[in-house]
Amino acid sequence: MELDRALDAYLRHVTIERGLSEHTVAAYRRDLGGYLEWLDAQGSRTPRR
């Protein structure tokens, strides 16, 4: 899914480019993953422009 790929790319960015800690990245993964689950439950998994 498009948003899943975007989330993975963002997490790679904050890990590699920004050098955020493992714990911070794990928290982002958990929180943003929950948000994607909520979007899925709402029937909205594609970003709108």
C-alpha atoms as a PDB file:
ATOM      1  CA  MET A   1       0.000   0.000   0.000  1.00  0.00           C
ATOM      2  CA  GLU A   2       1.126   3.508  -0.735  1.00  0.00           C
ATOM      3  CA  LEU A   3       0.926   4.765   2.842  1.00  0.00           C
ATOM      4  CA  ASP A   4       2.815   1.737   4.159  1.00  0.00           C
ATOM      5  CA  ARG A   5       5.678   2.498   1.772  1.00  0.00           C
ATOM      6  CA  ALA A   6       5.608   6.161   2.777  1.00  0.00           C
ATOM      7  CA  LEU A   7       5.786   5.197   6.447  1.00  0.00           C
ATOM      8  CA  ASP A   8       8.735   2.863   5.813  1.00  0.00           C
ATOM      9  CA  ALA A   9      10.554   5.581   3.854  1.00  0.00           C
ATOM     10  CA  TYR A  10       9.933   8.123   6.611  1.00  0.00           C
ATOM     11  CA  LEU A  11      11.199   5.765   9.306  1.00  0.00           C
ATOM     12  CA  ARG A  12      14.342   5.059   7.263  1.00  0.00           C
ATOM     13  CA  HIS A  13      14.857   8.804   6.871  1.00  0.00           C
ATOM     14  CA  VAL A  14      14.585   9.597  10.568  1.00  0.00           C
ATOM     15  CA  THR A  15      16.850   6.660  11.399  1.00  0.00           C
ATOM     16  CA  ILE A  16      19.597   7.297   8.853  1.00  0.00           C
ATOM     17  CA  GLU A  17      19.481  10.988   7.967  1.00  0.00           C
ATOM     18  CA  ARG A  18      18.312  12.424  11.266  1.00  0.00           C
ATOM     19  CA  GLY A  19      19.987   9.844  13.501  1.00  0.00           C
ATOM     20  CA  LEU A  20      17.064   9.506  15.877  1.00  0.00           C
ATOM     21  CA  SER A  21      17.349   6.944  18.636  1.00  0.00           C
ATOM     22  CA  GLU A  22      16.031   3.405  18.307  1.00  0.00           C
ATOM     23  CA  HIS A  23      13.408   4.141  20.967  1.00  0.00           C
ATOM     24  CA  THR A  24      12.186   7.268  19.202  1.00  0.00           C
ATOM     25  CA  VAL A  25      11.872   5.451  15.876  1.00  0.00           C
ATOM     26  CA  ALA A  26      10.018   2.591  17.596  1.00  0.00           C
ATOM     27  CA  ALA A  27       7.582   5.099  19.114  1.00  0.00           C
ATOM     28  CA  TYR A  28       7.042   6.725  15.696  1.00  0.00           C
ATOM     29  CA  ARG A  29       6.459   3.281  14.168  1.00  0.00           C
ATOM     30  CA  ARG A  30       3.921   2.402  16.866  1.00  0.00           C
ATOM     31  CA  ASP A  31       2.070   5.708  16.750  1.00  0.00           C
ATOM     32  CA  LEU A  32       2.018   6.102  12.974  1.00  0.00           C
ATOM     33  CA  GLY A  33       1.156   2.417  12.516  1.00  0.00           C
ATOM     34  CA  GLY A  34      -1.843   2.945  14.794  1.00  0.00           C
ATOM     35  CA  TYR A  35      -2.858   5.947  12.738  1.00  0.00           C
ATOM     36  CA  LEU A  36      -2.680   3.890   9.529  1.00  0.00           C
ATOM     37  CA  GLU A  37      -4.851   1.219  11.181  1.00  0.00           C
ATOM     38  CA  TRP A  38      -7.369   3.910  12.118  1.00  0.00           C
ATOM     39  CA  LEU A  39      -7.365   5.246   8.554  1.00  0.00           C
ATOM     40  CA  ASP A  40      -7.939   1.724   7.285  1.00  0.00           C
ATOM     41  CA  ALA A  41     -10.922   1.333   9.629  1.00  0.00           C
ATOM     42  CA  GLN A  42     -12.305   4.594   8.209  1.00  0.00           C
ATOM     43  CA  GLY A  43     -11.917   3.258   4.671  1.00  0.00           C
ATOM     44  CA  SER A  44      -9.270   5.821   3.763  1.00  0.00           C
ATOM     45  CA  ARG A  45      -5.853   4.386   2.893  1.00  0.00           C
ATOM     46  CA  THR A  46      -5.017   6.623  -0.063  1.00  0.00           C
ATOM     47  CA  PRO A  47      -3.750  10.165   0.487  1.00  0.00           C
ATOM     48  CA  ARG A  48      -6.047  12.779  -0.966  1.00  0.00           C
ATOM     49  CA  ARG A  49      -4.872  15.903  -2.662  1.00  0.00           C
END
